[in-house]
Amino acid sequence: MSSVLKLEQHSVDTPRATIYKEAVSLLETTKQWPSGKTYYKSSSHPVLTKSGPINGDFWALRESHLDNIAVARLHQAIIGTTQIGTSTHTDYEPRYVHEISKVEISQLHTYDDGWSYAIHVEYTFPFPLAKRTFNEVVHVFTDAGKSSGLVVSLPIEGALYDHSVLGAYVAVEELIWSEEHASADWYVATTSSAGGFVPIWVTNMSLAGALVKDVPNILKLIGDSKHFEDVE
């Protein structure tokens, strides 16, 4: 099916309409996969995982339904704004993805249906893993008046940080929210390569487990008003 959402370097000029169409199609495909492991079963916010191959890449999907939450804060953290350095999707990520140790954002472009920008990000992992650098273009799709948004990240060419290894990932993130019911459905599908000497099968085995950690981490984040002083 998808040809744009491959785990390979992409042009920053990849047509935005094509990215959106294929991201929506990919999400529909992954949601139809058989259910895999469910994490945090005893909690009020269990997380379902699924996995499977698409065009030769191994993908993992995380599904979570979140009730009784601060929807406006979650929306800001996931969809973000165009304010580089304070409140883009990527500015919020280090606040709940704790392996991210450095973020640089540039080349912001706005469109009728959202915006895009380039990122240069460093992840720091426990010994013996080396730091990983990821160069990506992030496309945010959001329409005024709608209660859903989409964030798509694709690998692009870029430099390395010192003493780091080049990694890559493709991610499709969908948020569907209801202010009235204080709830949201959050889906994340991703495929990635850690690069270096880490075999791809090791990355694939750990992919779903790495994804699910973001759910309790972001719930903790949106429970702290200091990160959302301008959000009601």
Protein backbone atom coordinates (compact mmCIF):
# COMPACT_ATOMS: atom_id res chain seq x y z
CA MET A 1 0.00 0.00 0.00
CA SER A 2 1.96 3.03 1.21
CA SER A 3 5.03 4.10 -0.75
CA VAL A 4 5.77 7.43 0.97
CA LEU A 5 5.82 6.12 4.54
CA LYS A 6 8.86 3.91 4.08
CA LEU A 7 11.74 3.73 6.54
CA GLU A 8 14.15 5.65 4.32
CA GLN A 9 15.28 9.22 3.79
CA HIS A 10 12.66 11.43 2.18
CA SER A 11 12.74 14.78 0.43
CA VAL A 12 11.43 17.74 2.41
CA ASP A 13 9.45 18.49 -0.75
CA THR A 14 7.43 15.26 -0.59
CA PRO A 15 3.85 16.32 -1.47
CA ARG A 16 1.91 17.06 1.67
CA ALA A 17 -1.38 15.80 0.24
CA THR A 18 0.26 12.44 -0.52
CA ILE A 19 1.66 12.18 3.01
CA TYR A 20 -1.78 12.83 4.50
CA LYS A 21 -3.58 10.36 2.24
CA GLU A 22 -1.11 7.57 2.90
CA ALA A 23 -0.97 8.26 6.66
CA VAL A 24 -4.75 7.94 6.93
CA SER A 25 -4.68 4.74 4.86
CA LEU A 26 -1.88 3.27 6.97
CA LEU A 27 -3.72 3.97 10.22
CA GLU A 28 -6.85 2.27 8.90
CA THR A 29 -4.77 -0.77 7.99
CA THR A 30 -3.07 -1.04 11.38
CA LYS A 31 -6.33 -0.61 13.31
CA GLN A 32 -7.68 -3.69 11.54
CA TRP A 33 -4.81 -5.90 12.73
CA PRO A 34 -5.54 -8.54 15.40
CA SER A 35 -5.09 -7.29 18.96
CA GLY A 36 -1.72 -7.85 20.57
CA LYS A 37 -0.58 -7.29 24.12
CA THR A 38 -2.48 -4.91 26.40
CA TYR A 39 -0.41 -2.92 28.89
CA TYR A 40 -1.56 -1.35 32.17
CA LYS A 41 -4.65 -3.59 32.25
CA SER A 42 -5.39 -2.78 35.89
CA SER A 43 -5.17 0.98 35.33
CA SER A 44 -7.92 3.35 34.23
CA HIS A 45 -6.09 3.86 30.93
CA PRO A 46 -5.08 0.47 29.45
CA VAL A 47 -3.00 0.56 26.27
CA LEU A 48 -3.54 -1.89 23.41
CA THR A 49 -0.72 -2.75 21.02
CA LYS A 50 -0.67 -4.34 17.58
CA SER A 51 2.08 -5.02 15.07
CA GLY A 52 2.65 -6.16 11.53
CA PRO A 53 4.54 -5.62 8.26
CA ILE A 54 3.81 -2.89 5.74
CA ASN A 55 5.87 -2.68 2.53
CA GLY A 56 8.73 -4.62 4.08
CA ASP A 57 8.92 -2.51 7.27
CA PHE A 58 7.82 -3.74 10.69
CA TRP A 59 5.23 -1.43 12.27
CA ALA A 60 3.87 -1.24 15.82
CA LEU A 61 0.62 0.48 16.76
CA ARG A 62 -0.47 1.78 20.15
CA GLU A 63 -4.14 2.57 20.92
CA SER A 64 -5.34 4.32 24.07
CA HIS A 65 -8.69 5.78 25.12
CA LEU A 66 -8.25 8.47 27.75
CA ASP A 67 -11.15 9.58 29.98
CA ASN A 68 -11.48 12.40 32.51
CA ILE A 69 -8.46 14.27 31.22
CA ALA A 70 -7.49 17.87 30.49
CA VAL A 71 -8.28 17.68 26.78
CA ALA A 72 -7.00 21.16 25.90
CA ARG A 73 -3.63 20.36 27.46
CA LEU A 74 -3.41 17.01 25.67
CA HIS A 75 -4.28 18.71 22.40
CA GLN A 76 -1.51 21.26 22.92
CA ALA A 77 1.05 18.59 23.81
CA ILE A 78 0.27 16.31 20.85
CA ILE A 79 -0.85 18.66 18.07
CA GLY A 80 1.09 21.65 19.34
CA THR A 81 1.31 25.13 17.82
CA THR A 82 3.64 26.92 15.40
CA GLN A 83 5.59 28.56 18.26
CA ILE A 84 9.08 27.08 17.85
CA GLY A 85 10.95 26.76 21.13
CA THR A 86 7.89 26.69 23.34
CA SER A 87 4.86 24.77 22.15
CA THR A 88 5.31 22.76 18.96
CA HIS A 89 4.63 19.02 19.04
CA THR A 90 8.39 18.47 19.19
CA ASP A 91 8.96 21.03 21.98
CA TYR A 92 6.60 19.01 24.17
CA GLU A 93 8.09 15.60 23.35
CA PRO A 94 11.12 15.79 25.71
CA ARG A 95 8.70 16.48 28.57
CA TYR A 96 7.23 12.98 28.27
CA VAL A 97 9.77 11.08 26.10
CA HIS A 98 12.59 11.20 28.60
CA GLU A 99 15.26 9.74 26.30
CA ILE A 100 15.21 12.94 24.22
CA SER A 101 18.14 15.07 25.35
CA LYS A 102 18.41 17.72 22.61
CA VAL A 103 16.00 19.28 20.11
CA GLU A 104 16.54 21.73 17.24
CA ILE A 105 13.60 22.92 15.12
CA SER A 106 13.78 24.90 11.87
CA GLN A 107 12.18 25.54 8.47
CA LEU A 108 8.62 26.16 9.66
CA HIS A 109 6.02 26.37 6.90
CA THR A 110 2.30 26.99 7.36
CA TYR A 111 -0.56 25.73 5.18
CA ASP A 112 -4.34 25.95 5.12
CA ASP A 113 -4.53 22.57 6.87
CA GLY A 114 -1.65 22.92 9.33
CA TRP A 115 2.12 23.31 9.25
CA SER A 116 5.45 21.53 8.92
CA TYR A 117 9.02 21.91 10.17
CA ALA A 118 12.35 20.09 10.25
CA ILE A 119 13.83 18.62 13.44
CA HIS A 120 17.30 17.54 14.55
CA VAL A 121 16.90 15.46 17.72
CA GLU A 122 19.24 13.54 20.00
CA TYR A 123 18.19 10.56 22.14
CA THR A 124 20.39 9.44 25.03
CA PHE A 125 20.12 5.82 26.18
CA PRO A 126 21.71 3.87 29.06
CA PHE A 127 25.14 2.30 28.53
CA PRO A 128 26.21 0.50 26.37
CA LEU A 129 24.03 2.17 23.73
CA ALA A 130 25.43 5.27 22.06
CA LYS A 131 23.43 8.46 21.59
CA ARG A 132 21.18 8.49 18.56
CA THR A 133 20.57 11.41 16.20
CA PHE A 134 17.33 11.63 14.22
CA ASN A 135 16.73 14.11 11.38
CA GLU A 136 13.05 14.32 10.47
CA VAL A 137 10.41 16.48 8.83
CA VAL A 138 7.24 16.79 10.89
CA HIS A 139 3.89 17.46 9.21
CA VAL A 140 0.96 18.54 11.39
CA PHE A 141 -2.53 18.33 9.87
CA THR A 142 -5.32 20.13 11.70
CA ASP A 143 -8.44 21.96 10.57
CA ALA A 144 -10.25 24.62 12.60
CA GLY A 145 -13.56 23.36 13.90
CA LYS A 146 -12.61 19.69 13.70
CA SER A 147 -11.92 17.54 16.74
CA SER A 148 -9.05 15.53 15.29
CA GLY A 149 -5.48 16.06 14.16
CA LEU A 150 -2.64 14.11 12.58
CA VAL A 151 1.13 14.33 13.08
CA VAL A 152 3.44 12.56 10.60
CA SER A 153 7.23 12.33 10.95
CA LEU A 154 9.53 11.22 8.11
CA PRO A 155 13.34 10.78 8.00
CA ILE A 156 15.32 13.34 5.99
CA GLU A 157 19.00 13.97 5.35
CA GLY A 158 20.88 15.77 8.09
CA ALA A 159 24.00 16.00 10.21
CA LEU A 160 24.98 13.98 13.28
CA TYR A 161 25.60 15.23 16.77
CA ASP A 162 29.07 14.43 18.14
CA HIS A 163 29.57 10.85 19.36
CA SER A 164 26.15 9.75 18.12
CA VAL A 165 24.72 7.19 15.71
CA LEU A 166 22.22 8.04 12.98
CA GLY A 167 18.81 6.50 13.48
CA ALA A 168 15.52 6.91 11.62
CA TYR A 169 11.82 6.50 12.22
CA VAL A 170 8.47 7.04 10.57
CA ALA A 171 5.58 7.90 12.88
CA VAL A 172 1.89 8.54 12.28
CA GLU A 173 0.08 9.99 15.27
CA GLU A 174 -3.67 10.63 15.42
CA LEU A 175 -5.55 12.43 18.18
CA ILE A 176 -9.36 12.48 18.28
CA TRP A 177 -10.77 14.46 21.19
CA SER A 178 -14.03 15.50 22.82
CA GLU A 179 -14.05 18.59 24.99
CA GLU A 180 -17.62 17.79 26.02
CA HIS A 181 -16.73 14.36 27.39
CA ALA A 182 -13.20 15.23 28.56
CA SER A 183 -11.87 12.28 26.60
CA ALA A 184 -9.60 11.44 23.68
CA ASP A 185 -8.45 8.56 21.53
CA TRP A 186 -4.73 8.57 20.83
CA TYR A 187 -3.18 6.35 18.17
CA VAL A 188 0.51 6.09 17.32
CA ALA A 189 1.93 3.85 14.58
CA THR A 190 5.66 3.73 14.02
CA THR A 191 8.53 1.91 12.37
CA SER A 192 12.13 2.65 13.26
CA SER A 193 15.79 1.75 12.99
CA ALA A 194 18.21 2.48 15.82
CA GLY A 195 21.16 2.35 13.42
CA GLY A 196 24.68 1.38 14.41
CA PHE A 197 25.20 -2.21 15.55
CA VAL A 198 21.69 -2.73 16.94
CA PRO A 199 20.03 -5.45 14.81
CA ILE A 200 16.67 -4.46 13.35
CA TRP A 201 14.98 -7.45 15.02
CA VAL A 202 16.02 -6.10 18.43
CA THR A 203 14.44 -2.74 17.61
CA ASN A 204 11.29 -4.47 16.37
CA MET A 205 10.94 -6.52 19.57
CA SER A 206 11.18 -3.44 21.78
CA LEU A 207 9.09 -1.09 19.65
CA ALA A 208 5.66 -1.63 21.23
CA GLY A 209 7.03 -1.52 24.78
CA ALA A 210 8.77 1.78 24.05
CA LEU A 211 5.56 3.26 22.65
CA VAL A 212 3.34 2.45 25.62
CA LYS A 213 5.51 4.35 28.11
CA ASP A 214 4.39 7.61 26.55
CA VAL A 215 0.82 7.19 27.82
CA PRO A 216 1.42 7.36 31.59
CA ASN A 217 4.17 9.91 30.98
CA ILE A 218 1.89 12.29 29.10
CA LEU A 219 -0.93 11.84 31.60
CA LYS A 220 1.50 12.96 34.28
CA LEU A 221 2.59 15.87 32.09
CA ILE A 222 -0.91 17.23 31.43
CA GLY A 223 -1.67 16.95 35.13
CA ASP A 224 0.94 19.63 35.84
CA SER A 225 -0.33 23.13 35.02
CA LYS A 226 3.16 24.65 34.88
CA HIS A 227 3.61 23.25 31.36
CA PHE A 228 0.33 24.76 30.15
CA GLU A 229 0.09 28.24 31.64
CA ASP A 230 -1.72 29.64 28.57
CA VAL A 231 -4.09 26.68 28.13
CA GLU A 232 -7.48 26.61 29.81
